[in-house]
C-alpha atoms as a PDB file:
ATOM      1  CA  UNK A   1       2.169  13.228   1.502  1.00  0.00           C
ATOM      2  CA  UNK A   2       2.448  11.389   4.762  1.00  0.00           C
ATOM      3  CA  UNK A   3       0.533   8.386   5.901  1.00  0.00           C
ATOM      4  CA  UNK A   4       0.235   7.616   9.588  1.00  0.00           C
ATOM      5  CA  UNK A   5      -0.344   4.050  10.732  1.00  0.00           C
ATOM      6  CA  UNK A   6      -3.016   4.278  13.474  1.00  0.00           C
ATOM      7  CA  UNK A   7      -3.128   0.548  14.026  1.00  0.00           C
ATOM      8  CA  UNK A   8      -0.668  -1.945  12.580  1.00  0.00           C
ATOM      9  CA  UNK A   9      -1.991  -4.934  10.548  1.00  0.00           C
ATOM     10  CA  UNK A  10      -0.574  -8.416  10.177  1.00  0.00           C
ATOM     11  CA  UNK A  11       2.160  -8.718   7.561  1.00  0.00           C
ATOM     12  CA  UNK A  12       1.433  -5.437   5.841  1.00  0.00           C
ATOM     13  CA  UNK A  13       4.499  -4.518   3.775  1.00  0.00           C
ATOM     14  CA  UNK A  14       5.655  -2.113   1.098  1.00  0.00           C
ATOM     15  CA  UNK A  15       6.115  -4.027  -2.165  1.00  0.00           C
ATOM     16  CA  UNK A  16       7.082  -3.097  -5.715  1.00  0.00           C
ATOM     17  CA  UNK A  17       7.566  -5.007  -8.957  1.00  0.00           C
ATOM     18  CA  UNK A  18      10.637  -6.820  -7.626  1.00  0.00           C
ATOM     19  CA  UNK A  19      14.337  -6.752  -8.441  1.00  0.00           C
ATOM     20  CA  UNK A  20      15.118  -9.071 -11.382  1.00  0.00           C
ATOM     21  CA  UNK A  21      18.454 -10.090 -12.885  1.00  0.00           C
ATOM     22  CA  UNK A  22      20.236 -11.389  -9.832  1.00  0.00           C
ATOM     23  CA  UNK A  23      18.669 -14.871  -9.452  1.00  0.00           C
ATOM     24  CA  UNK A  24      21.943 -16.428 -10.721  1.00  0.00           C
ATOM     25  CA  UNK A  25      23.496 -15.090  -7.476  1.00  0.00           C
ATOM     26  CA  UNK A  26      20.742 -16.692  -5.403  1.00  0.00           C
ATOM     27  CA  UNK A  27      18.897 -13.415  -4.826  1.00  0.00           C
ATOM     28  CA  UNK A  28      15.101 -13.802  -5.002  1.00  0.00           C
ATOM     29  CA  UNK A  29      13.390 -11.007  -7.013  1.00  0.00           C
ATOM     30  CA  UNK A  30      10.619 -10.652  -4.400  1.00  0.00           C
ATOM     31  CA  UNK A  31       7.994  -8.002  -5.082  1.00  0.00           C
ATOM     32  CA  UNK A  32       4.226  -8.061  -4.723  1.00  0.00           C
ATOM     33  CA  UNK A  33       2.453 -11.430  -4.510  1.00  0.00           C
ATOM     34  CA  UNK A  34      -0.262 -10.282  -6.978  1.00  0.00           C
ATOM     35  CA  UNK A  35       1.693  -8.328  -9.572  1.00  0.00           C
ATOM     36  CA  UNK A  36      -1.372  -7.687 -11.768  1.00  0.00           C
ATOM     37  CA  UNK A  37      -3.418  -6.176  -8.867  1.00  0.00           C
ATOM     38  CA  UNK A  38      -0.436  -4.025  -7.872  1.00  0.00           C
ATOM     39  CA  UNK A  39       0.025  -2.704 -11.416  1.00  0.00           C
ATOM     40  CA  UNK A  40      -3.701  -1.939 -11.986  1.00  0.00           C
ATOM     41  CA  UNK A  41      -3.925  -0.172  -8.618  1.00  0.00           C
ATOM     42  CA  UNK A  42      -0.877   2.017  -9.509  1.00  0.00           C
ATOM     43  CA  UNK A  43      -2.207   2.848 -12.945  1.00  0.00           C
ATOM     44  CA  UNK A  44      -5.482   4.132 -11.391  1.00  0.00           C
ATOM     45  CA  UNK A  45      -3.579   6.812  -9.451  1.00  0.00           C
ATOM     46  CA  UNK A  46      -1.200   7.683 -12.393  1.00  0.00           C
ATOM     47  CA  UNK A  47       1.869   5.880 -11.001  1.00  0.00           C
ATOM     48  CA  UNK A  48       4.296   3.674 -12.904  1.00  0.00           C
ATOM     49  CA  UNK A  49       2.845   0.125 -12.804  1.00  0.00           C
ATOM     50  CA  UNK A  50       5.901  -1.099 -10.772  1.00  0.00           C
ATOM     51  CA  UNK A  51       5.749   1.668  -8.180  1.00  0.00           C
ATOM     52  CA  UNK A  52       5.744   0.584  -4.501  1.00  0.00           C
ATOM     53  CA  UNK A  53       2.328  -0.103  -2.878  1.00  0.00           C
ATOM     54  CA  UNK A  54       1.314  -1.277   0.526  1.00  0.00           C
ATOM     55  CA  UNK A  55       0.447  -4.999   0.324  1.00  0.00           C
ATOM     56  CA  UNK A  56      -2.204  -5.687   3.055  1.00  0.00           C
ATOM     57  CA  UNK A  57      -3.276  -8.882   4.666  1.00  0.00           C
ATOM     58  CA  UNK A  58      -6.316  -9.200   6.950  1.00  0.00           C
ATOM     59  CA  UNK A  59      -6.574  -7.893   9.658  1.00  0.00           C
ATOM     60  CA  UNK A  60      -5.149  -4.900   7.870  1.00  0.00           C
ATOM     61  CA  UNK A  61      -3.664  -1.665   9.116  1.00  0.00           C
ATOM     62  CA  UNK A  62      -5.711   1.500   9.829  1.00  0.00           C
ATOM     63  CA  UNK A  63      -4.261   4.556   8.204  1.00  0.00           C
ATOM     64  CA  UNK A  64      -4.719   8.324   8.642  1.00  0.00           C
ATOM     65  CA  UNK A  65      -3.754  10.633   5.833  1.00  0.00           C
ATOM     66  CA  UNK A  66      -1.923  13.728   7.021  1.00  0.00           C
ATOM     67  CA  UNK A  67      -2.385  15.502   3.631  1.00  0.00           C
ATOM     68  CA  UNK A  68      -4.901  15.180   0.836  1.00  0.00           C
ATOM     69  CA  UNK A  69      -4.088  12.416  -1.615  1.00  0.00           C
ATOM     70  CA  UNK A  70      -5.296  10.385  -4.535  1.00  0.00           C
ATOM     71  CA  UNK A  71      -5.418   6.600  -3.665  1.00  0.00           C
ATOM     72  CA  UNK A  72      -6.753   3.392  -5.103  1.00  0.00           C
ATOM     73  CA  UNK A  73      -7.422  -0.027  -3.558  1.00  0.00           C
ATOM     74  CA  UNK A  74      -7.079  -3.229  -5.541  1.00  0.00           C
ATOM     75  CA  UNK A  75      -6.611  -6.940  -5.105  1.00  0.00           C
ATOM     76  CA  UNK A  76      -8.566  -8.514  -2.224  1.00  0.00           C
ATOM     77  CA  UNK A  77     -11.810  -6.869  -1.045  1.00  0.00           C
ATOM     78  CA  UNK A  78     -11.478  -6.177   2.729  1.00  0.00           C
ATOM     79  CA  UNK A  79     -14.623  -3.975   2.992  1.00  0.00           C
ATOM     80  CA  UNK A  80     -12.694  -0.676   3.145  1.00  0.00           C
ATOM     81  CA  UNK A  81     -14.125   2.538   4.443  1.00  0.00           C
ATOM     82  CA  UNK A  82     -12.908   6.156   4.832  1.00  0.00           C
ATOM     83  CA  UNK A  83     -14.255   7.877   7.821  1.00  0.00           C
ATOM     84  CA  UNK A  84     -16.832   5.086   8.161  1.00  0.00           C
ATOM     85  CA  UNK A  85     -18.159   5.423   4.609  1.00  0.00           C
ATOM     86  CA  UNK A  86     -17.663   2.459   2.230  1.00  0.00           C
ATOM     87  CA  UNK A  87     -15.216   2.987  -0.641  1.00  0.00           C
ATOM     88  CA  UNK A  88     -15.049   0.994  -3.882  1.00  0.00           C
ATOM     89  CA  UNK A  89     -12.266  -1.207  -5.186  1.00  0.00           C
ATOM     90  CA  UNK A  90     -10.422  -0.330  -8.360  1.00  0.00           C
ATOM     91  CA  UNK A  91     -11.494   3.366  -8.433  1.00  0.00           C
ATOM     92  CA  UNK A  92      -9.348   6.452  -7.848  1.00  0.00           C
ATOM     93  CA  UNK A  93     -10.381   8.013  -4.520  1.00  0.00           C
ATOM     94  CA  UNK A  94      -9.496  11.485  -3.207  1.00  0.00           C
ATOM     95  CA  UNK A  95      -8.900  11.536   0.477  1.00  0.00           C
ATOM     96  CA  UNK A  96      -8.588  14.651   2.615  1.00  0.00           C
ATOM     97  CA  UNK A  97      -6.345  15.643   5.453  1.00  0.00           C
ATOM     98  CA  UNK A  98      -7.043  13.532   8.626  1.00  0.00           C
ATOM     99  CA  UNK A  99      -9.258  11.047   6.709  1.00  0.00           C
ATOM    100  CA  UNK A 100      -9.003   7.519   8.160  1.00  0.00           C
ATOM    101  CA  UNK A 101      -8.876   4.444   5.997  1.00  0.00           C
ATOM    102  CA  UNK A 102      -9.748   1.126   7.637  1.00  0.00           C
ATOM    103  CA  UNK A 103     -10.705  -2.406   6.582  1.00  0.00           C
ATOM    104  CA  UNK A 104     -13.572  -4.257   8.231  1.00  0.00           C
ATOM    105  CA  UNK A 105     -13.751  -7.870   7.015  1.00  0.00           C
ATOM    106  CA  UNK A 106     -12.326 -10.046   4.272  1.00  0.00           C
ATOM    107  CA  UNK A 107     -14.890 -10.494   1.536  1.00  0.00           C
ATOM    108  CA  UNK A 108     -12.768 -11.981  -1.199  1.00  0.00           C
ATOM    109  CA  UNK A 109      -9.108 -12.633  -1.759  1.00  0.00           C
ATOM    110  CA  UNK A 110      -5.989 -12.744   0.397  1.00  0.00           C
ATOM    111  CA  UNK A 111      -3.991  -9.586  -0.377  1.00  0.00           C
ATOM    112  CA  UNK A 112      -5.216  -6.024  -0.966  1.00  0.00           C
ATOM    113  CA  UNK A 113      -3.082  -3.245  -2.378  1.00  0.00           C
ATOM    114  CA  UNK A 114      -3.076   0.447  -1.503  1.00  0.00           C
ATOM    115  CA  UNK A 115      -1.529   2.795  -4.088  1.00  0.00           C
ATOM    116  CA  UNK A 116      -0.950   6.450  -3.497  1.00  0.00           C
ATOM    117  CA  UNK A 117      -0.388   8.935  -6.288  1.00  0.00           C
ATOM    118  CA  UNK A 118       3.275   9.815  -6.419  1.00  0.00           C
ATOM    119  CA  UNK A 119       4.261   6.640  -4.535  1.00  0.00           C
ATOM    120  CA  UNK A 120       6.075   6.358  -1.234  1.00  0.00           C
ATOM    121  CA  UNK A 121       9.326   7.919  -0.110  1.00  0.00           C
ATOM    122  CA  UNK A 122      11.032   5.621   2.321  1.00  0.00           C
ATOM    123  CA  UNK A 123      13.826   6.429   4.732  1.00  0.00           C
ATOM    124  CA  UNK A 124      16.784   4.034   4.910  1.00  0.00           C
ATOM    125  CA  UNK A 125      17.790   2.555   8.290  1.00  0.00           C
ATOM    126  CA  UNK A 126      20.654   5.023   8.348  1.00  0.00           C
ATOM    127  CA  UNK A 127      18.224   7.939   8.003  1.00  0.00           C
ATOM    128  CA  UNK A 128      15.908   6.564  10.707  1.00  0.00           C
ATOM    129  CA  UNK A 129      18.551   5.689  13.290  1.00  0.00           C
ATOM    130  CA  UNK A 130      21.789   7.311  14.197  1.00  0.00           C
ATOM    131  CA  UNK A 131      24.652   5.094  15.419  1.00  0.00           C
ATOM    132  CA  UNK A 132      26.016   5.662  17.982  1.00  0.00           C
ATOM    133  CA  UNK A 133      22.987   7.288  19.642  1.00  0.00           C
END
């Protein structure tokens, strides 16, 4: 499954449950700001609760799905729609190829979460860029 960012949002990041056990070395565990919302959103699509999600702030990104997928939105309510039709929070949603997900206005909360069934596969910097060019 691929997700194409049509329009970048402000401070939208991929977040998971964090990396614990190294605080004694001065390493912050990080992770999602609203762990509960992240976990519930993941569970709705059948993922492990700590799987990576997209943490969204408003104005949020606009996404196009390049393949059908099962998604869920949780956390803040940013008045989401798919192809212009309103979609609910905290419900599994099936999206089709070329469907566009966008967020219109912040109704409640500060951070929304987008979970995709199967999670996200991320490339490392070494895979994205070849040095020397």
